[in-house]
């Protein structure tokens, strides 16, 4: 069994200020490589998905608060119940991020969109 992870992020602030107010985007501690390592070490391909030969890309939205904590995880486009639930589980388990910052350097709440690709060999 093999799963691959594709990490592409796009950012938009979710509060009353427009997205342009974000001067520094939120980042996973350790960068993209750190996120890939975290996901590969923590994702468990669901038995149900293996048995049904289910694979695909689950798109999730994460809200990162001012402290860098993942506070909301939502499926934007799912594949199957088992893969969707696994994507949510692992995202909720993520360590704190470096939060987004506005032009004054203040930490602000933001959204990260992340596709997680599950592939069986």
PDB file of N, CA and C in Angstrom:
ATOM      1  N   UNK A   1       0.849  -1.172   0.000  1.00  0.00           N
ATOM      2  CA  UNK A   1       0.000   0.000   0.000  1.00  0.00           C
ATOM      3  C   UNK A   1       0.891   1.231   0.000  1.00  0.00           C
ATOM      4  N   UNK A   2       0.483   2.212  -0.747  1.00  0.00           N
ATOM      5  CA  UNK A   2       1.240   3.445  -0.868  1.00  0.00           C
ATOM      6  C   UNK A   2       0.257   4.593  -0.936  1.00  0.00           C
ATOM      7  N   UNK A   3       0.569   5.654  -0.248  1.00  0.00           N
ATOM      8  CA  UNK A   3      -0.227   6.852  -0.452  1.00  0.00           C
ATOM      9  C   UNK A   3       0.732   7.979  -0.704  1.00  0.00           C
ATOM     10  N   UNK A   4       0.327   8.872  -1.542  1.00  0.00           N
ATOM     11  CA  UNK A   4       1.164  10.022  -1.837  1.00  0.00           C
ATOM     12  C   UNK A   4       0.446  11.267  -1.364  1.00  0.00           C
ATOM     13  N   UNK A   5       1.220  12.263  -1.081  1.00  0.00           N
ATOM     14  CA  UNK A   5       0.661  13.504  -0.568  1.00  0.00           C
ATOM     15  C   UNK A   5       1.103  14.646  -1.457  1.00  0.00           C
ATOM     16  N   UNK A   6       0.157  15.426  -1.902  1.00  0.00           N
ATOM     17  CA  UNK A   6       0.452  16.604  -2.691  1.00  0.00           C
ATOM     18  C   UNK A   6       0.041  17.796  -1.854  1.00  0.00           C
ATOM     19  N   UNK A   7       0.967  18.647  -1.559  1.00  0.00           N
ATOM     20  CA  UNK A   7       0.655  19.795  -0.721  1.00  0.00           C
ATOM     21  C   UNK A   7       0.721  21.076  -1.534  1.00  0.00           C
ATOM     22  N   UNK A   8      -0.395  21.685  -1.724  1.00  0.00           N
ATOM     23  CA  UNK A   8      -0.477  22.989  -2.343  1.00  0.00           C
ATOM     24  C   UNK A   8      -1.375  23.815  -1.445  1.00  0.00           C
ATOM     25  N   UNK A   9      -0.926  24.977  -1.101  1.00  0.00           N
ATOM     26  CA  UNK A   9      -1.730  25.774  -0.194  1.00  0.00           C
ATOM     27  C   UNK A   9      -2.087  27.102  -0.835  1.00  0.00           C
ATOM     28  N   UNK A  10      -3.281  27.558  -0.549  1.00  0.00           N
ATOM     29  CA  UNK A  10      -3.672  28.916  -0.915  1.00  0.00           C
ATOM     30  C   UNK A  10      -4.277  29.521   0.328  1.00  0.00           C
ATOM     31  N   UNK A  11      -4.106  30.805   0.486  1.00  0.00           N
ATOM     32  CA  UNK A  11      -4.441  31.421   1.752  1.00  0.00           C
ATOM     33  C   UNK A  11      -5.423  32.570   1.578  1.00  0.00           C
ATOM     34  N   UNK A  12      -6.328  32.667   2.508  1.00  0.00           N
ATOM     35  CA  UNK A  12      -7.263  33.790   2.541  1.00  0.00           C
ATOM     36  C   UNK A  12      -7.702  34.002   3.974  1.00  0.00           C
ATOM     37  N   UNK A  13      -7.696  35.221   4.404  1.00  0.00           N
ATOM     38  CA  UNK A  13      -8.119  35.521   5.759  1.00  0.00           C
ATOM     39  C   UNK A  13      -9.617  35.309   5.878  1.00  0.00           C
ATOM     40  N   UNK A  14     -10.062  34.815   7.039  1.00  0.00           N
ATOM     41  CA  UNK A  14     -11.472  34.484   7.188  1.00  0.00           C
ATOM     42  C   UNK A  14     -12.247  35.483   8.056  1.00  0.00           C
ATOM     43  N   UNK A  15     -11.596  36.477   8.577  1.00  0.00           N
ATOM     44  CA  UNK A  15     -12.290  37.469   9.404  1.00  0.00           C
ATOM     45  C   UNK A  15     -12.769  38.638   8.548  1.00  0.00           C
ATOM     46  N   UNK A  16     -13.067  39.746   9.202  1.00  0.00           N
ATOM     47  CA  UNK A  16     -13.653  40.882   8.500  1.00  0.00           C
ATOM     48  C   UNK A  16     -12.695  41.617   7.572  1.00  0.00           C
ATOM     49  N   UNK A  17     -11.386  41.444   7.736  1.00  0.00           N
ATOM     50  CA  UNK A  17     -10.427  42.105   6.855  1.00  0.00           C
ATOM     51  C   UNK A  17     -10.308  41.320   5.550  1.00  0.00           C
ATOM     52  N   UNK A  18     -10.039  41.999   4.449  1.00  0.00           N
ATOM     53  CA  UNK A  18      -9.873  41.287   3.174  1.00  0.00           C
ATOM     54  C   UNK A  18      -8.590  40.469   3.156  1.00  0.00           C
ATOM     55  N   UNK A  19      -8.519  39.489   2.252  1.00  0.00           N
ATOM     56  CA  UNK A  19      -7.352  38.615   2.156  1.00  0.00           C
ATOM     57  C   UNK A  19      -6.073  39.406   1.915  1.00  0.00           C
ATOM     58  N   UNK A  20      -6.175  40.534   1.236  1.00  0.00           N
ATOM     59  CA  UNK A  20      -4.992  41.339   0.942  1.00  0.00           C
ATOM     60  C   UNK A  20      -4.327  41.855   2.214  1.00  0.00           C
ATOM     61  N   UNK A  21      -5.034  41.843   3.351  1.00  0.00           N
ATOM     62  CA  UNK A  21      -4.476  42.321   4.607  1.00  0.00           C
ATOM     63  C   UNK A  21      -3.407  41.378   5.145  1.00  0.00           C
ATOM     64  N   UNK A  22      -3.331  40.152   4.620  1.00  0.00           N
ATOM     65  CA  UNK A  22      -2.317  39.208   5.082  1.00  0.00           C
ATOM     66  C   UNK A  22      -0.999  39.527   4.391  1.00  0.00           C
ATOM     67  N   UNK A  23      -0.009  39.891   5.209  1.00  0.00           N
ATOM     68  CA  UNK A  23       1.309  40.207   4.676  1.00  0.00           C
ATOM     69  C   UNK A  23       2.215  38.978   4.699  1.00  0.00           C
ATOM     70  N   UNK A  24       2.005  38.108   5.686  1.00  0.00           N
ATOM     71  CA  UNK A  24       2.799  36.891   5.820  1.00  0.00           C
ATOM     72  C   UNK A  24       1.834  35.723   5.936  1.00  0.00           C
ATOM     73  N   UNK A  25       1.945  34.777   5.025  1.00  0.00           N
ATOM     74  CA  UNK A  25       1.058  33.619   5.015  1.00  0.00           C
ATOM     75  C   UNK A  25       1.408  32.673   6.164  1.00  0.00           C
ATOM     76  N   UNK A  26       0.438  31.882   6.623  1.00  0.00           N
ATOM     77  CA  UNK A  26       0.741  30.901   7.660  1.00  0.00           C
ATOM     78  C   UNK A  26       1.640  29.811   7.063  1.00  0.00           C
ATOM     79  N   UNK A  27       2.500  29.259   7.887  1.00  0.00           N
ATOM     80  CA  UNK A  27       3.378  28.188   7.415  1.00  0.00           C
ATOM     81  C   UNK A  27       3.403  27.055   8.427  1.00  0.00           C
ATOM     82  N   UNK A  28       3.487  25.860   7.903  1.00  0.00           N
ATOM     83  CA  UNK A  28       3.656  24.685   8.747  1.00  0.00           C
ATOM     84  C   UNK A  28       5.080  24.737   9.284  1.00  0.00           C
ATOM     85  N   UNK A  29       5.252  24.502  10.574  1.00  0.00           N
ATOM     86  CA  UNK A  29       6.595  24.502  11.152  1.00  0.00           C
ATOM     87  C   UNK A  29       7.387  23.389  10.462  1.00  0.00           C
ATOM     88  N   UNK A  30       8.497  23.742   9.862  1.00  0.00           N
ATOM     89  CA  UNK A  30       9.275  22.782   9.086  1.00  0.00           C
ATOM     90  C   UNK A  30       9.013  22.902   7.598  1.00  0.00           C
ATOM     91  N   UNK A  31       8.115  23.815   7.217  1.00  0.00           N
ATOM     92  CA  UNK A  31       7.834  24.060   5.814  1.00  0.00           C
ATOM     93  C   UNK A  31       7.109  22.915   5.133  1.00  0.00           C
ATOM     94  N   UNK A  32       7.120  22.936   3.813  1.00  0.00           N
ATOM     95  CA  UNK A  32       6.428  21.912   3.036  1.00  0.00           C
ATOM     96  C   UNK A  32       7.004  20.530   3.322  1.00  0.00           C
ATOM     97  N   UNK A  33       8.319  20.440   3.427  1.00  0.00           N
ATOM     98  CA  UNK A  33       8.949  19.144   3.721  1.00  0.00           C
ATOM     99  C   UNK A  33       8.504  18.626   5.084  1.00  0.00           C
ATOM    100  N   UNK A  34       8.431  19.515   6.056  1.00  0.00           N
ATOM    101  CA  UNK A  34       7.962  19.116   7.386  1.00  0.00           C
ATOM    102  C   UNK A  34       6.522  18.626   7.354  1.00  0.00           C
ATOM    103  N   UNK A  35       5.673  19.298   6.559  1.00  0.00           N
ATOM    104  CA  UNK A  35       4.282  18.876   6.442  1.00  0.00           C
ATOM    105  C   UNK A  35       4.198  17.515   5.762  1.00  0.00           C
ATOM    106  N   UNK A  36       4.966  17.332   4.708  1.00  0.00           N
ATOM    107  CA  UNK A  36       4.970  16.046   4.010  1.00  0.00           C
ATOM    108  C   UNK A  36       5.394  14.929   4.966  1.00  0.00           C
ATOM    109  N   UNK A  37       6.420  15.181   5.752  1.00  0.00           N
ATOM    110  CA  UNK A  37       6.872  14.179   6.720  1.00  0.00           C
ATOM    111  C   UNK A  37       5.791  13.895   7.749  1.00  0.00           C
ATOM    112  N   UNK A  38       5.176  14.943   8.276  1.00  0.00           N
ATOM    113  CA  UNK A  38       4.114  14.759   9.271  1.00  0.00           C
ATOM    114  C   UNK A  38       2.988  13.914   8.692  1.00  0.00           C
ATOM    115  N   UNK A  39       2.528  14.268   7.498  1.00  0.00           N
ATOM    116  CA  UNK A  39       1.422  13.540   6.889  1.00  0.00           C
ATOM    117  C   UNK A  39       1.801  12.090   6.595  1.00  0.00           C
ATOM    118  N   UNK A  40       2.991  11.874   6.046  1.00  0.00           N
ATOM    119  CA  UNK A  40       3.381  10.501   5.712  1.00  0.00           C
ATOM    120  C   UNK A  40       3.550   9.642   6.959  1.00  0.00           C
ATOM    121  N   UNK A  41       3.946  10.231   8.069  1.00  0.00           N
ATOM    122  CA  UNK A  41       4.115   9.476   9.314  1.00  0.00           C
ATOM    123  C   UNK A  41       2.798   9.253  10.048  1.00  0.00           C
ATOM    124  N   UNK A  42       1.792  10.060   9.768  1.00  0.00           N
ATOM    125  CA  UNK A  42       0.560  10.005  10.554  1.00  0.00           C
ATOM    126  C   UNK A  42      -0.670   9.496   9.824  1.00  0.00           C
ATOM    127  N   UNK A  43      -0.667   9.544   8.502  1.00  0.00           N
ATOM    128  CA  UNK A  43      -1.830   9.038   7.763  1.00  0.00           C
ATOM    129  C   UNK A  43      -1.812   7.524   7.771  1.00  0.00           C
ATOM    130  N   UNK A  44      -2.955   6.961   8.083  1.00  0.00           N
ATOM    131  CA  UNK A  44      -3.149   5.514   8.027  1.00  0.00           C
ATOM    132  C   UNK A  44      -4.207   5.249   6.956  1.00  0.00           C
ATOM    133  N   UNK A  45      -3.797   4.582   5.880  1.00  0.00           N
ATOM    134  CA  UNK A  45      -4.741   4.308   4.789  1.00  0.00           C
ATOM    135  C   UNK A  45      -5.842   3.431   5.342  1.00  0.00           C
ATOM    136  N   UNK A  46      -7.096   3.873   5.300  1.00  0.00           N
ATOM    137  CA  UNK A  46      -8.196   3.107   5.895  1.00  0.00           C
ATOM    138  C   UNK A  46      -8.365   1.719   5.260  1.00  0.00           C
ATOM    139  N   UNK A  47      -8.580   0.729   6.107  1.00  0.00           N
ATOM    140  CA  UNK A  47      -8.772  -0.649   5.660  1.00  0.00           C
ATOM    141  C   UNK A  47      -9.918  -0.740   4.640  1.00  0.00           C
ATOM    142  N   UNK A  48     -10.996  -0.037   4.923  1.00  0.00           N
ATOM    143  CA  UNK A  48     -12.148  -0.034   4.006  1.00  0.00           C
ATOM    144  C   UNK A  48     -11.756   0.462   2.618  1.00  0.00           C
ATOM    145  N   UNK A  49     -10.929   1.499   2.563  1.00  0.00           N
ATOM    146  CA  UNK A  49     -10.496   2.044   1.276  1.00  0.00           C
ATOM    147  C   UNK A  49      -9.558   1.077   0.557  1.00  0.00           C
ATOM    148  N   UNK A  50      -8.728   0.377   1.307  1.00  0.00           N
ATOM    149  CA  UNK A  50      -7.842  -0.627   0.706  1.00  0.00           C
ATOM    150  C   UNK A  50      -8.682  -1.749   0.107  1.00  0.00           C
ATOM    151  N   UNK A  51      -9.633  -2.255   0.898  1.00  0.00           N
ATOM    152  CA  UNK A  51     -10.471  -3.371   0.448  1.00  0.00           C
ATOM    153  C   UNK A  51     -11.320  -3.013  -0.765  1.00  0.00           C
ATOM    154  N   UNK A  52     -11.744  -1.765  -0.860  1.00  0.00           N
ATOM    155  CA  UNK A  52     -12.577  -1.350  -1.995  1.00  0.00           C
ATOM    156  C   UNK A  52     -11.752  -0.713  -3.115  1.00  0.00           C
ATOM    157  N   UNK A  53     -10.408  -0.735  -2.940  1.00  0.00           N
ATOM    158  CA  UNK A  53      -9.490  -0.178  -3.939  1.00  0.00           C
ATOM    159  C   UNK A  53      -9.817   1.289  -4.245  1.00  0.00           C
ATOM    160  N   UNK A  54     -10.088   2.054  -3.194  1.00  0.00           N
ATOM    161  CA  UNK A  54     -10.458   3.462  -3.326  1.00  0.00           C
ATOM    162  C   UNK A  54      -9.232   4.350  -3.176  1.00  0.00           C
ATOM    163  N   UNK A  55      -9.068   5.260  -4.090  1.00  0.00           N
ATOM    164  CA  UNK A  55      -7.995   6.242  -4.014  1.00  0.00           C
ATOM    165  C   UNK A  55      -8.516   7.565  -4.563  1.00  0.00           C
ATOM    166  N   UNK A  56      -7.746   8.604  -4.388  1.00  0.00           N
ATOM    167  CA  UNK A  56      -8.139   9.909  -4.902  1.00  0.00           C
ATOM    168  C   UNK A  56      -7.590  11.029  -4.053  1.00  0.00           C
ATOM    169  N   UNK A  57      -7.952  12.234  -4.410  1.00  0.00           N
ATOM    170  CA  UNK A  57      -7.462  13.423  -3.728  1.00  0.00           C
ATOM    171  C   UNK A  57      -8.582  14.047  -2.906  1.00  0.00           C
ATOM    172  N   UNK A  58      -8.340  14.199  -1.613  1.00  0.00           N
ATOM    173  CA  UNK A  58      -9.286  14.841  -0.698  1.00  0.00           C
ATOM    174  C   UNK A  58      -8.816  16.284  -0.514  1.00  0.00           C
ATOM    175  N   UNK A  59      -9.704  17.231  -0.764  1.00  0.00           N
ATOM    176  CA  UNK A  59      -9.381  18.651  -0.580  1.00  0.00           C
ATOM    177  C   UNK A  59      -9.965  19.112   0.747  1.00  0.00           C
ATOM    178  N   UNK A  60      -9.105  19.653   1.612  1.00  0.00           N
ATOM    179  CA  UNK A  60      -9.554  20.118   2.917  1.00  0.00           C
ATOM    180  C   UNK A  60      -9.269  21.606   3.076  1.00  0.00           C
ATOM    181  N   UNK A  61     -10.049  22.225   3.928  1.00  0.00           N
ATOM    182  CA  UNK A  61      -9.834  23.609   4.326  1.00  0.00           C
ATOM    183  C   UNK A  61      -9.502  23.589   5.814  1.00  0.00           C
ATOM    184  N   UNK A  62      -8.413  24.243   6.178  1.00  0.00           N
ATOM    185  CA  UNK A  62      -8.011  24.360   7.583  1.00  0.00           C
ATOM    186  C   UNK A  62      -8.082  25.818   7.975  1.00  0.00           C
ATOM    187  N   UNK A  63      -8.627  26.112   9.132  1.00  0.00           N
ATOM    188  CA  UNK A  63      -8.554  27.464   9.667  1.00  0.00           C
ATOM    189  C   UNK A  63      -7.473  27.448  10.741  1.00  0.00           C
ATOM    190  N   UNK A  64      -6.498  28.328  10.563  1.00  0.00           N
ATOM    191  CA  UNK A  64      -5.391  28.474  11.500  1.00  0.00           C
ATOM    192  C   UNK A  64      -5.659  29.745  12.296  1.00  0.00           C
ATOM    193  N   UNK A  65      -5.762  29.613  13.632  1.00  0.00           N
ATOM    194  CA  UNK A  65      -6.066  30.806  14.425  1.00  0.00           C
ATOM    195  C   UNK A  65      -4.802  31.631  14.693  1.00  0.00           C
ATOM    196  N   UNK A  66      -4.971  32.700  15.447  1.00  0.00           N
ATOM    197  CA  UNK A  66      -3.880  33.629  15.726  1.00  0.00           C
ATOM    198  C   UNK A  66      -2.733  32.981  16.495  1.00  0.00           C
ATOM    199  N   UNK A  67      -3.006  31.901  17.219  1.00  0.00           N
ATOM    200  CA  UNK A  67      -1.968  31.186  17.961  1.00  0.00           C
ATOM    201  C   UNK A  67      -1.313  30.090  17.108  1.00  0.00           C
ATOM    202  N   UNK A  68      -1.810  29.894  15.891  1.00  0.00           N
ATOM    203  CA  UNK A  68      -1.253  28.883  15.012  1.00  0.00           C
ATOM    204  C   UNK A  68      -1.930  27.525  15.101  1.00  0.00           C
ATOM    205  N   UNK A  69      -2.977  27.430  15.913  1.00  0.00           N
ATOM    206  CA  UNK A  69      -3.680  26.161  16.103  1.00  0.00           C
ATOM    207  C   UNK A  69      -4.687  25.923  14.973  1.00  0.00           C
ATOM    208  N   UNK A  70      -4.764  24.670  14.518  1.00  0.00           N
ATOM    209  CA  UNK A  70      -5.785  24.282  13.551  1.00  0.00           C
ATOM    210  C   UNK A  70      -7.098  24.200  14.323  1.00  0.00           C
ATOM    211  N   UNK A  71      -8.044  25.077  13.997  1.00  0.00           N
ATOM    212  CA  UNK A  71      -9.288  25.118  14.771  1.00  0.00           C
ATOM    213  C   UNK A  71     -10.497  24.610  14.011  1.00  0.00           C
ATOM    214  N   UNK A  72     -10.404  24.544  12.704  1.00  0.00           N
ATOM    215  CA  UNK A  72     -11.519  24.038  11.899  1.00  0.00           C
ATOM    216  C   UNK A  72     -10.952  23.267  10.722  1.00  0.00           C
ATOM    217  N   UNK A  73     -11.511  22.092  10.486  1.00  0.00           N
ATOM    218  CA  UNK A  73     -11.142  21.304   9.312  1.00  0.00           C
ATOM    219  C   UNK A  73     -12.438  20.959   8.598  1.00  0.00           C
ATOM    220  N   UNK A  74     -12.479  21.227   7.308  1.00  0.00           N
ATOM    221  CA  UNK A  74     -13.691  20.978   6.526  1.00  0.00           C
ATOM    222  C   UNK A  74     -13.305  20.346   5.194  1.00  0.00           C
ATOM    223  N   UNK A  75     -14.076  19.378   4.768  1.00  0.00           N
ATOM    224  CA  UNK A  75     -13.863  18.763   3.457  1.00  0.00           C
ATOM    225  C   UNK A  75     -14.448  19.682   2.399  1.00  0.00           C
ATOM    226  N   UNK A  76     -13.620  20.093   1.455  1.00  0.00           N
ATOM    227  CA  UNK A  76     -14.087  20.895   0.331  1.00  0.00           C
ATOM    228  C   UNK A  76     -14.546  19.996  -0.799  1.00  0.00           C
ATOM    229  N   UNK A  77     -13.788  18.939  -1.042  1.00  0.00           N
ATOM    230  CA  UNK A  77     -14.156  17.942  -2.049  1.00  0.00           C
ATOM    231  C   UNK A  77     -13.588  16.603  -1.591  1.00  0.00           C
ATOM    232  N   UNK A  78     -14.466  15.671  -1.345  1.00  0.00           N
ATOM    233  CA  UNK A  78     -14.052  14.390  -0.810  1.00  0.00           C
ATOM    234  C   UNK A  78     -13.981  13.303  -1.851  1.00  0.00           C
ATOM    235  N   UNK A  79     -13.547  12.132  -1.383  1.00  0.00           N
ATOM    236  CA  UNK A  79     -13.429  10.953  -2.234  1.00  0.00           C
ATOM    237  C   UNK A  79     -14.367   9.863  -1.741  1.00  0.00           C
ATOM    238  N   UNK A  80     -14.229   9.512  -0.480  1.00  0.00           N
ATOM    239  CA  UNK A  80     -15.079   8.503   0.149  1.00  0.00           C
ATOM    240  C   UNK A  80     -15.124   8.822   1.633  1.00  0.00           C
ATOM    241  N   UNK A  81     -16.091   8.274   2.317  1.00  0.00           N
ATOM    242  CA  UNK A  81     -16.224   8.553   3.737  1.00  0.00           C
ATOM    243  C   UNK A  81     -14.944   8.211   4.496  1.00  0.00           C
ATOM    244  N   UNK A  82     -14.356   7.042   4.219  1.00  0.00           N
ATOM    245  CA  UNK A  82     -13.176   6.621   4.981  1.00  0.00           C
ATOM    246  C   UNK A  82     -11.958   7.503   4.691  1.00  0.00           C
ATOM    247  N   UNK A  83     -11.721   7.864   3.435  1.00  0.00           N
ATOM    248  CA  UNK A  83     -10.590   8.735   3.125  1.00  0.00           C
ATOM    249  C   UNK A  83     -10.825  10.150   3.635  1.00  0.00           C
ATOM    250  N   UNK A  84     -12.052  10.638   3.530  1.00  0.00           N
ATOM    251  CA  UNK A  84     -12.377  11.968   4.039  1.00  0.00           C
ATOM    252  C   UNK A  84     -12.146  12.042   5.547  1.00  0.00           C
ATOM    253  N   UNK A  85     -12.616  11.027   6.269  1.00  0.00           N
ATOM    254  CA  UNK A  85     -12.443  11.010   7.729  1.00  0.00           C
ATOM    255  C   UNK A  85     -10.973  10.920   8.119  1.00  0.00           C
ATOM    256  N   UNK A  86     -10.188  10.177   7.364  1.00  0.00           N
ATOM    257  CA  UNK A  86      -8.759  10.084   7.658  1.00  0.00           C
ATOM    258  C   UNK A  86      -8.060  11.416   7.406  1.00  0.00           C
ATOM    259  N   UNK A  87      -8.438  12.115   6.345  1.00  0.00           N
ATOM    260  CA  UNK A  87      -7.860  13.434   6.074  1.00  0.00           C
ATOM    261  C   UNK A  87      -8.195  14.406   7.213  1.00  0.00           C
ATOM    262  N   UNK A  88      -9.439  14.377   7.679  1.00  0.00           N
ATOM    263  CA  UNK A  88      -9.833  15.235   8.798  1.00  0.00           C
ATOM    264  C   UNK A  88      -9.053  14.869  10.051  1.00  0.00           C
ATOM    265  N   UNK A  89      -8.967  13.577  10.347  1.00  0.00           N
ATOM    266  CA  UNK A  89      -8.282  13.120  11.563  1.00  0.00           C
ATOM    267  C   UNK A  89      -6.835  13.604  11.598  1.00  0.00           C
ATOM    268  N   UNK A  90      -6.123  13.409  10.507  1.00  0.00           N
ATOM    269  CA  UNK A  90      -4.712  13.774  10.506  1.00  0.00           C
ATOM    270  C   UNK A  90      -4.532  15.294  10.549  1.00  0.00           C
ATOM    271  N   UNK A  91      -5.410  16.045   9.900  1.00  0.00           N
ATOM    272  CA  UNK A  91      -5.305  17.507   9.944  1.00  0.00           C
ATOM    273  C   UNK A  91      -5.577  18.041  11.347  1.00  0.00           C
ATOM    274  N   UNK A  92      -6.540  17.439  12.027  1.00  0.00           N
ATOM    275  CA  UNK A  92      -6.838  17.869  13.401  1.00  0.00           C
ATOM    276  C   UNK A  92      -5.699  17.536  14.357  1.00  0.00           C
ATOM    277  N   UNK A  93      -4.863  16.600  13.989  1.00  0.00           N
ATOM    278  CA  UNK A  93      -3.726  16.171  14.810  1.00  0.00           C
ATOM    279  C   UNK A  93      -2.478  17.028  14.566  1.00  0.00           C
ATOM    280  N   UNK A  94      -2.521  17.901  13.556  1.00  0.00           N
ATOM    281  CA  UNK A  94      -1.345  18.699  13.191  1.00  0.00           C
ATOM    282  C   UNK A  94      -0.866  19.548  14.366  1.00  0.00           C
ATOM    283  N   UNK A  95       0.452  19.701  14.465  1.00  0.00           N
ATOM    284  CA  UNK A  95       0.982  20.630  15.476  1.00  0.00           C
ATOM    285  C   UNK A  95       0.664  22.067  15.058  1.00  0.00           C
ATOM    286  N   UNK A  96       0.908  22.998  15.962  1.00  0.00           N
ATOM    287  CA  UNK A  96       0.663  24.408  15.648  1.00  0.00           C
ATOM    288  C   UNK A  96       1.515  24.865  14.467  1.00  0.00           C
ATOM    289  N   UNK A  97       0.918  25.761  13.688  1.00  0.00           N
ATOM    290  CA  UNK A  97       1.564  26.400  12.556  1.00  0.00           C
ATOM    291  C   UNK A  97       2.139  27.735  13.006  1.00  0.00           C
ATOM    292  N   UNK A  98       2.949  28.351  12.158  1.00  0.00           N
ATOM    293  CA  UNK A  98       3.302  29.758  12.323  1.00  0.00           C
ATOM    294  C   UNK A  98       2.112  30.511  11.726  1.00  0.00           C
ATOM    295  N   UNK A  99       1.403  31.326  12.526  1.00  0.00           N
ATOM    296  CA  UNK A  99       0.186  31.967  12.021  1.00  0.00           C
ATOM    297  C   UNK A  99       0.466  33.020  10.957  1.00  0.00           C
ATOM    298  N   UNK A 100      -0.581  33.349  10.212  1.00  0.00           N
ATOM    299  CA  UNK A 100      -0.512  34.449   9.247  1.00  0.00           C
ATOM    300  C   UNK A 100      -0.329  35.754  10.017  1.00  0.00           C
ATOM    301  N   UNK A 101       0.220  36.737   9.345  1.00  0.00           N
ATOM    302  CA  UNK A 101       0.433  38.048   9.971  1.00  0.00           C
ATOM    303  C   UNK A 101      -0.056  39.134   9.029  1.00  0.00           C
ATOM    304  N   UNK A 102      -0.631  40.172   9.616  1.00  0.00           N
ATOM    305  CA  UNK A 102      -1.070  41.310   8.811  1.00  0.00           C
ATOM    306  C   UNK A 102       0.106  42.252   8.584  1.00  0.00           C
ATOM    307  N   UNK A 103      -0.143  43.366   7.908  1.00  0.00           N
ATOM    308  CA  UNK A 103       0.907  44.323   7.594  1.00  0.00           C
ATOM    309  C   UNK A 103       1.576  44.939   8.797  1.00  0.00           C
ATOM    310  N   UNK A 104       0.906  44.918   9.951  1.00  0.00           N
ATOM    311  CA  UNK A 104       1.488  45.465  11.181  1.00  0.00           C
ATOM    312  C   UNK A 104       2.231  44.406  11.981  1.00  0.00           C
ATOM    313  N   UNK A 105       2.258  43.164  11.465  1.00  0.00           N
ATOM    314  CA  UNK A 105       2.957  42.094  12.168  1.00  0.00           C
ATOM    315  C   UNK A 105       2.106  41.346  13.173  1.00  0.00           C
ATOM    316  N   UNK A 106       0.814  41.675  13.234  1.00  0.00           N
ATOM    317  CA  UNK A 106      -0.082  41.004  14.174  1.00  0.00           C
ATOM    318  C   UNK A 106      -0.535  39.660  13.611  1.00  0.00           C
ATOM    319  N   UNK A 107      -0.584  38.655  14.466  1.00  0.00           N
ATOM    320  CA  UNK A 107      -1.084  37.350  14.046  1.00  0.00           C
ATOM    321  C   UNK A 107      -2.570  37.467  13.739  1.00  0.00           C
ATOM    322  N   UNK A 108      -2.992  36.831  12.638  1.00  0.00           N
ATOM    323  CA  UNK A 108      -4.399  36.863  12.226  1.00  0.00           C
ATOM    324  C   UNK A 108      -4.860  35.462  11.845  1.00  0.00           C
ATOM    325  N   UNK A 109      -6.158  35.244  11.986  1.00  0.00           N
ATOM    326  CA  UNK A 109      -6.776  33.990  11.588  1.00  0.00           C
ATOM    327  C   UNK A 109      -6.765  33.900  10.065  1.00  0.00           C
ATOM    328  N   UNK A 110      -6.523  32.697   9.539  1.00  0.00           N
ATOM    329  CA  UNK A 110      -6.478  32.525   8.091  1.00  0.00           C
ATOM    330  C   UNK A 110      -6.935  31.122   7.709  1.00  0.00           C
ATOM    331  N   UNK A 111      -7.134  30.934   6.426  1.00  0.00           N
ATOM    332  CA  UNK A 111      -7.560  29.644   5.890  1.00  0.00           C
ATOM    333  C   UNK A 111      -6.469  29.081   4.996  1.00  0.00           C
ATOM    334  N   UNK A 112      -6.268  27.779   5.094  1.00  0.00           N
ATOM    335  CA  UNK A 112      -5.329  27.067   4.230  1.00  0.00           C
ATOM    336  C   UNK A 112      -6.121  25.992   3.504  1.00  0.00           C
ATOM    337  N   UNK A 113      -5.959  25.905   2.210  1.00  0.00           N
ATOM    338  CA  UNK A 113      -6.593  24.837   1.427  1.00  0.00           C
ATOM    339  C   UNK A 113      -5.508  23.843   1.048  1.00  0.00           C
ATOM    340  N   UNK A 114      -5.790  22.580   1.322  1.00  0.00           N
ATOM    341  CA  UNK A 114      -4.767  21.553   1.185  1.00  0.00           C
ATOM    342  C   UNK A 114      -5.333  20.298   0.535  1.00  0.00           C
ATOM    343  N   UNK A 115      -4.775  19.879  -0.605  1.00  0.00           N
ATOM    344  CA  UNK A 115      -5.191  18.589  -1.172  1.00  0.00           C
ATOM    345  C   UNK A 115      -4.291  17.481  -0.620  1.00  0.00           C
ATOM    346  N   UNK A 116      -4.900  16.382  -0.245  1.00  0.00           N
ATOM    347  CA  UNK A 116      -4.157  15.208   0.219  1.00  0.00           C
ATOM    348  C   UNK A 116      -4.516  14.059  -0.711  1.00  0.00           C
ATOM    349  N   UNK A 117      -3.517  13.548  -1.428  1.00  0.00           N
ATOM    350  CA  UNK A 117      -3.761  12.493  -2.414  1.00  0.00           C
ATOM    351  C   UNK A 117      -3.487  11.124  -1.797  1.00  0.00           C
ATOM    352  N   UNK A 118      -4.458  10.243  -1.884  1.00  0.00           N
ATOM    353  CA  UNK A 118      -4.337   8.866  -1.432  1.00  0.00           C
ATOM    354  C   UNK A 118      -4.221   7.981  -2.669  1.00  0.00           C
ATOM    355  N   UNK A 119      -3.150   7.209  -2.776  1.00  0.00           N
ATOM    356  CA  UNK A 119      -2.935   6.349  -3.929  1.00  0.00           C
ATOM    357  C   UNK A 119      -2.500   4.964  -3.469  1.00  0.00           C
ATOM    358  N   UNK A 120      -3.176   3.942  -3.970  1.00  0.00           N
ATOM    359  CA  UNK A 120      -2.784   2.561  -3.711  1.00  0.00           C
ATOM    360  C   UNK A 120      -1.847   2.108  -4.816  1.00  0.00           C
ATOM    361  N   UNK A 121      -0.860   1.259  -4.483  1.00  0.00           N
ATOM    362  CA  UNK A 121       0.021   0.731  -5.522  1.00  0.00           C
ATOM    363  C   UNK A 121      -0.536  -0.526  -6.127  1.00  0.00           C
TER     364      UNK A 121
END
